[in-house]
Amino acid sequence: MRSALATNLRYCHSAVPASFLFKHAAHRRPKKLSPPLRQPPSPPRMLRFSQFPFPLVVVASSSSTMGDTVRSAEVSKPPFSVLFVCLGNICRSPAAEAVFTNIVRKRGFESKFKIDSAGTIGYHEGNPADLRMWAAANKRGIEITSISRPVRPSDFRDFDLILAMDMQNRDDLLSAFERWSHKEKLPKDAYKKVKLMCSYCKKHSETEVPDPYYGGPQGFEKVLDLLEDGCEVLIDNILSENCQELPIDGGTFSS
């Protein structure tokens, strides 16, 4: 039995010599795979958005373009223009121009406004403001620098708002517009630009800015009181009505 078992044990494994097995096993090894196709290089680190915990919406180039667009819009948008008008342009309207300019400057909107003054007559054309008006304004830290000129047809094209000091000034402006509109190419609705200065006053009930020319010092002080009141309200109205159209440096154009 032992002998028979021993005889059969050698058949439990292949009778093929080991050297043969190893020789052929080498031929049966899987062929080495050819290297995979070369993958495209990884994008530069600065563009690998997956590295950030939040999505990047604006890149440097877009931000630069956006800034250029905003600056271009600001440059292309003309300033809001206001013209103050009285009779001779040596007392009330020069003072109004100076008062409004002072307020605009203090609020930092100087570059966003075009401010001027004129008279319904040209009698004082080329003259500086009345010395009494200049002195009264100077005491309040307001400098009057304008030189008298008459209203001209182009004012109805060039200005967004024309403010008359009294009702006679307003009527004269509207009459002039009616005459000039037949000869000049003026906007048909430009007469709507003409308003009364005192329509903006809140602290005073006067409907007109009185002419101080033939009165004493109190008259010039009264003019400045009315103008300071009206001009404060005026700039607030302009800013609130035009905040979408008139952007300011570094932000929205608003009060």
C-alpha atoms as a PDB file:
ATOM      1  CA  MET A   1       0.000   0.000   0.000  1.00  0.00           C
ATOM      2  CA  ARG A   2       2.731   2.366   0.972  1.00  0.00           C
ATOM      3  CA  SER A   3       4.506   1.449  -2.179  1.00  0.00           C
ATOM      4  CA  ALA A   4       1.470   2.065  -4.353  1.00  0.00           C
ATOM      5  CA  LEU A   5       0.785   5.368  -2.676  1.00  0.00           C
ATOM      6  CA  ALA A   6       4.293   6.495  -3.127  1.00  0.00           C
ATOM      7  CA  THR A   7       4.091   5.471  -6.730  1.00  0.00           C
ATOM      8  CA  ASN A   8       0.970   7.591  -7.327  1.00  0.00           C
ATOM      9  CA  LEU A   9       2.103  10.678  -5.413  1.00  0.00           C
ATOM     10  CA  ARG A  10       4.319  11.836  -8.238  1.00  0.00           C
ATOM     11  CA  TYR A  11       1.295  12.087 -10.457  1.00  0.00           C
ATOM     12  CA  CYS A  12      -0.361  14.598  -8.155  1.00  0.00           C
ATOM     13  CA  HIS A  13       1.886  17.318  -9.746  1.00  0.00           C
ATOM     14  CA  SER A  14       2.931  17.804 -13.270  1.00  0.00           C
ATOM     15  CA  ALA A  15       5.580  15.538 -14.419  1.00  0.00           C
ATOM     16  CA  VAL A  16       6.955  18.337 -16.565  1.00  0.00           C
ATOM     17  CA  PRO A  17      10.405  19.368 -15.383  1.00  0.00           C
ATOM     18  CA  ALA A  18      10.516  22.583 -13.387  1.00  0.00           C
ATOM     19  CA  SER A  19      13.001  24.077 -15.770  1.00  0.00           C
ATOM     20  CA  PHE A  20      10.499  23.735 -18.563  1.00  0.00           C
ATOM     21  CA  LEU A  21       7.752  25.377 -16.549  1.00  0.00           C
ATOM     22  CA  PHE A  22       9.857  28.397 -15.697  1.00  0.00           C
ATOM     23  CA  LYS A  23      11.065  28.696 -19.262  1.00  0.00           C
ATOM     24  CA  HIS A  24       7.576  28.811 -20.695  1.00  0.00           C
ATOM     25  CA  ALA A  25       6.159  30.863 -17.846  1.00  0.00           C
ATOM     26  CA  ALA A  26       8.419  33.684 -18.944  1.00  0.00           C
ATOM     27  CA  HIS A  27       6.820  33.584 -22.382  1.00  0.00           C
ATOM     28  CA  ARG A  28       3.365  33.698 -20.857  1.00  0.00           C
ATOM     29  CA  ARG A  29       3.992  36.926 -18.921  1.00  0.00           C
ATOM     30  CA  PRO A  30       1.683  39.723 -20.095  1.00  0.00           C
ATOM     31  CA  LYS A  31       3.228  42.045 -22.545  1.00  0.00           C
ATOM     32  CA  LYS A  32       4.250  45.402 -21.195  1.00  0.00           C
ATOM     33  CA  LEU A  33       1.558  47.966 -21.993  1.00  0.00           C
ATOM     34  CA  SER A  34       2.524  50.900 -24.147  1.00  0.00           C
ATOM     35  CA  PRO A  35       2.519  54.193 -22.244  1.00  0.00           C
ATOM     36  CA  PRO A  36      -0.854  55.989 -22.244  1.00  0.00           C
ATOM     37  CA  LEU A  37      -1.421  58.945 -24.454  1.00  0.00           C
ATOM     38  CA  ARG A  38       0.198  62.042 -22.994  1.00  0.00           C
ATOM     39  CA  GLN A  39      -2.298  64.089 -21.082  1.00  0.00           C
ATOM     40  CA  PRO A  40      -2.483  67.840 -21.728  1.00  0.00           C
ATOM     41  CA  PRO A  41      -0.527  69.860 -19.197  1.00  0.00           C
ATOM     42  CA  SER A  42      -2.393  71.077 -16.147  1.00  0.00           C
ATOM     43  CA  PRO A  43      -3.597  74.642 -16.437  1.00  0.00           C
ATOM     44  CA  PRO A  44      -1.520  77.266 -14.671  1.00  0.00           C
ATOM     45  CA  ARG A  45      -2.084  77.470 -10.954  1.00  0.00           C
ATOM     46  CA  MET A  46      -3.781  80.825 -11.211  1.00  0.00           C
ATOM     47  CA  LEU A  47      -6.556  79.328 -13.378  1.00  0.00           C
ATOM     48  CA  ARG A  48      -7.285  76.224 -11.311  1.00  0.00           C
ATOM     49  CA  PHE A  49     -10.536  77.415  -9.846  1.00  0.00           C
ATOM     50  CA  SER A  50     -11.140  74.098  -8.033  1.00  0.00           C
ATOM     51  CA  GLN A  51      -8.463  75.083  -5.533  1.00  0.00           C
ATOM     52  CA  PHE A  52     -10.661  77.889  -4.205  1.00  0.00           C
ATOM     53  CA  PRO A  53     -13.481  77.265  -1.706  1.00  0.00           C
ATOM     54  CA  PHE A  54     -15.801  79.521  -3.704  1.00  0.00           C
ATOM     55  CA  PRO A  55     -16.417  80.151  -7.418  1.00  0.00           C
ATOM     56  CA  LEU A  56     -14.475  82.964  -8.989  1.00  0.00           C
ATOM     57  CA  VAL A  57     -16.779  85.237 -10.925  1.00  0.00           C
ATOM     58  CA  VAL A  58     -14.548  88.194 -11.795  1.00  0.00           C
ATOM     59  CA  VAL A  59     -10.983  87.753 -13.012  1.00  0.00           C
ATOM     60  CA  ALA A  60      -8.401  90.495 -13.282  1.00  0.00           C
ATOM     61  CA  SER A  61      -8.970  91.181 -16.945  1.00  0.00           C
ATOM     62  CA  SER A  62     -12.733  91.416 -16.499  1.00  0.00           C
ATOM     63  CA  SER A  63     -12.343  93.748 -13.540  1.00  0.00           C
ATOM     64  CA  SER A  64     -10.059  95.969 -15.540  1.00  0.00           C
ATOM     65  CA  THR A  65     -12.517  96.050 -18.415  1.00  0.00           C
ATOM     66  CA  MET A  66     -15.369  96.850 -16.071  1.00  0.00           C
ATOM     67  CA  GLY A  67     -13.418  99.707 -14.538  1.00  0.00           C
ATOM     68  CA  ASP A  68     -12.587 101.091 -17.949  1.00  0.00           C
ATOM     69  CA  THR A  69     -16.253 100.925 -18.922  1.00  0.00           C
ATOM     70  CA  VAL A  70     -17.364 102.784 -15.799  1.00  0.00           C
ATOM     71  CA  ARG A  71     -14.693 105.435 -16.242  1.00  0.00           C
ATOM     72  CA  SER A  72     -15.640 105.812 -19.900  1.00  0.00           C
ATOM     73  CA  ALA A  73     -19.312 106.256 -18.950  1.00  0.00           C
ATOM     74  CA  GLU A  74     -18.387 108.884 -16.394  1.00  0.00           C
ATOM     75  CA  VAL A  75     -16.253 110.765 -18.862  1.00  0.00           C
ATOM     76  CA  SER A  76     -18.917 110.663 -21.575  1.00  0.00           C
ATOM     77  CA  LYS A  77     -21.716 111.874 -19.290  1.00  0.00           C
ATOM     78  CA  PRO A  78     -21.865 115.702 -19.337  1.00  0.00           C
ATOM     79  CA  PRO A  79     -22.214 117.562 -16.033  1.00  0.00           C
ATOM     80  CA  PHE A  80     -25.600 118.806 -14.911  1.00  0.00           C
ATOM     81  CA  SER A  81     -25.855 122.470 -15.881  1.00  0.00           C
ATOM     82  CA  VAL A  82     -27.628 125.240 -13.982  1.00  0.00           C
ATOM     83  CA  LEU A  83     -28.037 128.883 -15.066  1.00  0.00           C
ATOM     84  CA  PHE A  84     -29.137 131.584 -12.597  1.00  0.00           C
ATOM     85  CA  VAL A  85     -30.773 134.664 -14.098  1.00  0.00           C
ATOM     86  CA  CYS A  86     -31.709 138.105 -12.783  1.00  0.00           C
ATOM     87  CA  LEU A  87     -32.072 141.517 -14.456  1.00  0.00           C
ATOM     88  CA  GLY A  88     -28.537 142.853 -14.836  1.00  0.00           C
ATOM     89  CA  ASN A  89     -26.445 139.897 -13.609  1.00  0.00           C
ATOM     90  CA  ILE A  90     -24.527 141.950 -11.054  1.00  0.00           C
ATOM     91  CA  CYS A  91     -26.352 141.221  -7.763  1.00  0.00           C
ATOM     92  CA  ARG A  92     -28.750 138.311  -7.322  1.00  0.00           C
ATOM     93  CA  SER A  93     -27.751 135.849 -10.041  1.00  0.00           C
ATOM     94  CA  PRO A  94     -23.970 136.204  -9.455  1.00  0.00           C
ATOM     95  CA  ALA A  95     -24.654 135.601  -5.761  1.00  0.00           C
ATOM     96  CA  ALA A  96     -26.797 132.558  -6.587  1.00  0.00           C
ATOM     97  CA  GLU A  97     -24.056 131.177  -8.798  1.00  0.00           C
ATOM     98  CA  ALA A  98     -21.505 131.629  -6.001  1.00  0.00           C
ATOM     99  CA  VAL A  99     -23.737 130.197  -3.263  1.00  0.00           C
ATOM    100  CA  PHE A 100     -24.614 127.101  -5.303  1.00  0.00           C
ATOM    101  CA  THR A 101     -20.989 126.603  -6.369  1.00  0.00           C
ATOM    102  CA  ASN A 102     -19.916 126.772  -2.735  1.00  0.00           C
ATOM    103  CA  ILE A 103     -22.452 124.117  -1.707  1.00  0.00           C
ATOM    104  CA  VAL A 104     -21.550 121.855  -4.616  1.00  0.00           C
ATOM    105  CA  ARG A 105     -17.852 122.142  -3.796  1.00  0.00           C
ATOM    106  CA  LYS A 106     -18.403 121.330  -0.124  1.00  0.00           C
ATOM    107  CA  ARG A 107     -20.300 118.185  -1.085  1.00  0.00           C
ATOM    108  CA  GLY A 108     -17.558 117.091  -3.448  1.00  0.00           C
ATOM    109  CA  PHE A 109     -19.586 117.299  -6.677  1.00  0.00           C
ATOM    110  CA  GLU A 110     -17.825 120.216  -8.312  1.00  0.00           C
ATOM    111  CA  SER A 111     -16.795 118.251 -11.401  1.00  0.00           C
ATOM    112  CA  LYS A 112     -20.378 117.037 -11.910  1.00  0.00           C
ATOM    113  CA  PHE A 113     -21.919 120.468 -12.337  1.00  0.00           C
ATOM    114  CA  LYS A 114     -21.710 123.337 -14.791  1.00  0.00           C
ATOM    115  CA  ILE A 115     -22.842 126.554 -13.073  1.00  0.00           C
ATOM    116  CA  ASP A 116     -23.251 130.022 -14.597  1.00  0.00           C
ATOM    117  CA  SER A 117     -25.330 133.187 -14.338  1.00  0.00           C
ATOM    118  CA  ALA A 118     -26.702 135.769 -16.758  1.00  0.00           C
ATOM    119  CA  GLY A 119     -29.023 138.772 -17.021  1.00  0.00           C
ATOM    120  CA  THR A 120     -32.112 139.458 -19.070  1.00  0.00           C
ATOM    121  CA  ILE A 121     -30.486 142.743 -20.171  1.00  0.00           C
ATOM    122  CA  GLY A 122     -26.936 143.401 -21.297  1.00  0.00           C
ATOM    123  CA  TYR A 123     -26.527 146.827 -19.721  1.00  0.00           C
ATOM    124  CA  HIS A 124     -23.781 145.643 -17.320  1.00  0.00           C
ATOM    125  CA  GLU A 125     -22.124 143.194 -19.712  1.00  0.00           C
ATOM    126  CA  GLY A 126     -18.452 142.713 -18.872  1.00  0.00           C
ATOM    127  CA  ASN A 127     -18.740 144.155 -15.357  1.00  0.00           C
ATOM    128  CA  PRO A 128     -18.017 142.274 -12.104  1.00  0.00           C
ATOM    129  CA  ALA A 129     -20.672 141.883  -9.418  1.00  0.00           C
ATOM    130  CA  ASP A 130     -21.914 144.840  -7.405  1.00  0.00           C
ATOM    131  CA  LEU A 131     -19.348 145.561  -4.664  1.00  0.00           C
ATOM    132  CA  ARG A 132     -22.042 145.524  -1.962  1.00  0.00           C
ATOM    133  CA  MET A 133     -23.186 142.070  -3.037  1.00  0.00           C
ATOM    134  CA  TRP A 134     -19.611 140.855  -3.183  1.00  0.00           C
ATOM    135  CA  ALA A 135     -18.872 142.164   0.332  1.00  0.00           C
ATOM    136  CA  ALA A 136     -21.969 140.603   1.881  1.00  0.00           C
ATOM    137  CA  ALA A 137     -21.170 137.227   0.328  1.00  0.00           C
ATOM    138  CA  ASN A 138     -17.520 137.464   1.316  1.00  0.00           C
ATOM    139  CA  LYS A 139     -18.495 137.819   4.982  1.00  0.00           C
ATOM    140  CA  ARG A 140     -20.103 134.387   4.717  1.00  0.00           C
ATOM    141  CA  GLY A 141     -17.062 132.847   3.095  1.00  0.00           C
ATOM    142  CA  ILE A 142     -18.631 132.897  -0.374  1.00  0.00           C
ATOM    143  CA  GLU A 143     -16.615 134.267  -3.266  1.00  0.00           C
ATOM    144  CA  ILE A 144     -18.358 135.895  -6.225  1.00  0.00           C
ATOM    145  CA  THR A 145     -16.191 135.776  -9.348  1.00  0.00           C
ATOM    146  CA  SER A 146     -18.621 135.968 -12.259  1.00  0.00           C
ATOM    147  CA  ILE A 147     -18.618 138.649 -14.952  1.00  0.00           C
ATOM    148  CA  SER A 148     -21.960 139.981 -16.189  1.00  0.00           C
ATOM    149  CA  ARG A 149     -23.352 138.715 -19.491  1.00  0.00           C
ATOM    150  CA  PRO A 150     -26.817 138.667 -21.059  1.00  0.00           C
ATOM    151  CA  VAL A 151     -28.849 135.532 -21.667  1.00  0.00           C
ATOM    152  CA  ARG A 152     -28.329 134.070 -25.141  1.00  0.00           C
ATOM    153  CA  PRO A 153     -30.335 131.592 -27.248  1.00  0.00           C
ATOM    154  CA  SER A 154     -27.793 128.804 -26.762  1.00  0.00           C
ATOM    155  CA  ASP A 155     -28.497 128.858 -23.022  1.00  0.00           C
ATOM    156  CA  PHE A 156     -31.770 127.059 -23.727  1.00  0.00           C
ATOM    157  CA  ARG A 157     -29.754 124.241 -25.323  1.00  0.00           C
ATOM    158  CA  ASP A 158     -26.756 124.195 -23.033  1.00  0.00           C
ATOM    159  CA  PHE A 159     -28.402 124.265 -19.616  1.00  0.00           C
ATOM    160  CA  ASP A 160     -30.577 121.671 -17.918  1.00  0.00           C
ATOM    161  CA  LEU A 161     -32.145 124.156 -15.524  1.00  0.00           C
ATOM    162  CA  ILE A 162     -32.640 127.946 -15.742  1.00  0.00           C
ATOM    163  CA  LEU A 163     -33.593 129.654 -12.485  1.00  0.00           C
ATOM    164  CA  ALA A 164     -35.141 133.124 -12.508  1.00  0.00           C
ATOM    165  CA  MET A 165     -34.854 135.329  -9.428  1.00  0.00           C
ATOM    166  CA  ASP A 166     -38.307 136.861  -9.780  1.00  0.00           C
ATOM    167  CA  MET A 167     -41.451 136.553 -11.872  1.00  0.00           C
ATOM    168  CA  GLN A 168     -40.465 139.350 -14.216  1.00  0.00           C
ATOM    169  CA  ASN A 169     -37.194 137.588 -14.957  1.00  0.00           C
ATOM    170  CA  ARG A 170     -39.118 134.391 -15.652  1.00  0.00           C
ATOM    171  CA  ASP A 171     -41.549 136.129 -18.002  1.00  0.00           C
ATOM    172  CA  ASP A 172     -38.687 137.824 -19.839  1.00  0.00           C
ATOM    173  CA  LEU A 173     -36.947 134.479 -20.285  1.00  0.00           C
ATOM    174  CA  LEU A 174     -40.065 132.834 -21.666  1.00  0.00           C
ATOM    175  CA  SER A 175     -40.675 135.749 -24.039  1.00  0.00           C
ATOM    176  CA  ALA A 176     -37.091 135.576 -25.258  1.00  0.00           C
ATOM    177  CA  PHE A 177     -37.415 131.842 -25.838  1.00  0.00           C
ATOM    178  CA  GLU A 178     -40.571 132.405 -27.864  1.00  0.00           C
ATOM    179  CA  ARG A 179     -38.793 134.928 -30.102  1.00  0.00           C
ATOM    180  CA  TRP A 180     -35.582 132.939 -30.476  1.00  0.00           C
ATOM    181  CA  SER A 181     -37.325 129.638 -31.176  1.00  0.00           C
ATOM    182  CA  HIS A 182     -38.479 131.028 -34.535  1.00  0.00           C
ATOM    183  CA  LYS A 183     -34.912 131.837 -35.571  1.00  0.00           C
ATOM    184  CA  GLU A 184     -32.750 129.381 -33.641  1.00  0.00           C
ATOM    185  CA  LYS A 185     -32.845 125.603 -33.512  1.00  0.00           C
ATOM    186  CA  LEU A 186     -33.893 125.175 -29.882  1.00  0.00           C
ATOM    187  CA  PRO A 187     -35.523 122.230 -28.089  1.00  0.00           C
ATOM    188  CA  LYS A 188     -39.288 122.671 -28.272  1.00  0.00           C
ATOM    189  CA  ASP A 189     -39.741 121.982 -24.584  1.00  0.00           C
ATOM    190  CA  ALA A 190     -36.810 124.127 -23.403  1.00  0.00           C
ATOM    191  CA  TYR A 191     -39.242 126.578 -21.803  1.00  0.00           C
ATOM    192  CA  LYS A 192     -39.833 123.909 -19.144  1.00  0.00           C
ATOM    193  CA  LYS A 193     -36.301 124.468 -17.905  1.00  0.00           C
ATOM    194  CA  VAL A 194     -37.260 127.909 -16.584  1.00  0.00           C
ATOM    195  CA  LYS A 195     -38.261 127.928 -12.895  1.00  0.00           C
ATOM    196  CA  LEU A 196     -38.315 130.364  -9.991  1.00  0.00           C
ATOM    197  CA  MET A 197     -35.420 130.279  -7.549  1.00  0.00           C
ATOM    198  CA  CYS A 198     -37.709 130.591  -4.530  1.00  0.00           C
ATOM    199  CA  SER A 199     -39.686 127.520  -5.564  1.00  0.00           C
ATOM    200  CA  TYR A 200     -36.886 125.578  -3.874  1.00  0.00           C
ATOM    201  CA  CYS A 201     -36.952 127.471  -0.567  1.00  0.00           C
ATOM    202  CA  LYS A 202     -38.132 125.609   2.514  1.00  0.00           C
ATOM    203  CA  LYS A 203     -37.263 127.947   5.366  1.00  0.00           C
ATOM    204  CA  HIS A 204     -38.655 131.064   3.705  1.00  0.00           C
ATOM    205  CA  SER A 205     -42.115 131.783   2.319  1.00  0.00           C
ATOM    206  CA  GLU A 206     -41.051 134.414  -0.229  1.00  0.00           C
ATOM    207  CA  THR A 207     -41.904 133.654  -3.841  1.00  0.00           C
ATOM    208  CA  GLU A 208     -39.216 135.940  -5.304  1.00  0.00           C
ATOM    209  CA  VAL A 209     -35.634 136.971  -4.556  1.00  0.00           C
ATOM    210  CA  PRO A 210     -35.992 140.773  -4.245  1.00  0.00           C
ATOM    211  CA  ASP A 211     -33.626 143.078  -6.101  1.00  0.00           C
ATOM    212  CA  PRO A 212     -31.346 144.715  -3.480  1.00  0.00           C
ATOM    213  CA  TYR A 213     -29.792 147.221  -5.878  1.00  0.00           C
ATOM    214  CA  TYR A 214     -31.672 150.297  -4.577  1.00  0.00           C
ATOM    215  CA  GLY A 215     -31.753 149.274  -0.926  1.00  0.00           C
ATOM    216  CA  GLY A 216     -29.392 149.032   2.043  1.00  0.00           C
ATOM    217  CA  PRO A 217     -27.164 146.257   3.428  1.00  0.00           C
ATOM    218  CA  GLN A 218     -30.133 144.342   4.839  1.00  0.00           C
ATOM    219  CA  GLY A 219     -31.390 143.744   1.319  1.00  0.00           C
ATOM    220  CA  PHE A 220     -28.170 141.957   0.303  1.00  0.00           C
ATOM    221  CA  GLU A 221     -28.262 139.841   3.448  1.00  0.00           C
ATOM    222  CA  LYS A 222     -31.852 138.871   2.670  1.00  0.00           C
ATOM    223  CA  VAL A 223     -30.824 137.821  -0.826  1.00  0.00           C
ATOM    224  CA  LEU A 224     -28.143 135.519   0.588  1.00  0.00           C
ATOM    225  CA  ASP A 225     -30.527 134.032   3.143  1.00  0.00           C
ATOM    226  CA  LEU A 226     -32.988 133.100   0.422  1.00  0.00           C
ATOM    227  CA  LEU A 227     -30.289 131.768  -1.891  1.00  0.00           C
ATOM    228  CA  GLU A 228     -28.650 129.591   0.766  1.00  0.00           C
ATOM    229  CA  ASP A 229     -32.027 128.111   1.633  1.00  0.00           C
ATOM    230  CA  GLY A 230     -33.055 127.491  -1.964  1.00  0.00           C
ATOM    231  CA  CYS A 231     -29.687 126.180  -3.157  1.00  0.00           C
ATOM    232  CA  GLU A 232     -29.496 123.549  -0.417  1.00  0.00           C
ATOM    233  CA  VAL A 233     -32.850 122.168  -1.493  1.00  0.00           C
ATOM    234  CA  LEU A 234     -31.934 122.573  -5.156  1.00  0.00           C
ATOM    235  CA  ILE A 235     -28.886 120.332  -4.989  1.00  0.00           C
ATOM    236  CA  ASP A 236     -30.818 117.697  -3.037  1.00  0.00           C
ATOM    237  CA  ASN A 237     -33.516 117.671  -5.728  1.00  0.00           C
ATOM    238  CA  ILE A 238     -31.017 117.447  -8.567  1.00  0.00           C
ATOM    239  CA  LEU A 239     -29.158 114.576  -6.936  1.00  0.00           C
ATOM    240  CA  SER A 240     -32.307 112.609  -6.115  1.00  0.00           C
ATOM    241  CA  GLU A 241     -33.740 113.045  -9.608  1.00  0.00           C
ATOM    242  CA  ASN A 242     -30.515 112.278 -11.475  1.00  0.00           C
ATOM    243  CA  CYS A 243     -28.726 109.706  -9.305  1.00  0.00           C
ATOM    244  CA  GLN A 244     -29.037 107.015 -12.020  1.00  0.00           C
ATOM    245  CA  GLU A 245     -27.719 109.194 -14.807  1.00  0.00           C
ATOM    246  CA  LEU A 246     -24.891 110.972 -12.983  1.00  0.00           C
ATOM    247  CA  PRO A 247     -22.422 108.629 -11.375  1.00  0.00           C
ATOM    248  CA  ILE A 248     -19.871 110.151  -8.991  1.00  0.00           C
ATOM    249  CA  ASP A 249     -16.322 109.242  -8.285  1.00  0.00           C
ATOM    250  CA  GLY A 250     -16.132 106.148  -6.171  1.00  0.00           C
ATOM    251  CA  GLY A 251     -19.835 105.473  -5.906  1.00  0.00           C
ATOM    252  CA  THR A 252     -23.402 106.299  -6.715  1.00  0.00           C
ATOM    253  CA  PHE A 253     -24.344 109.841  -7.447  1.00  0.00           C
ATOM    254  CA  SER A 254     -26.660 110.528  -4.511  1.00  0.00           C
ATOM    255  CA  SER A 255     -26.949 112.797  -1.540  1.00  0.00           C
END
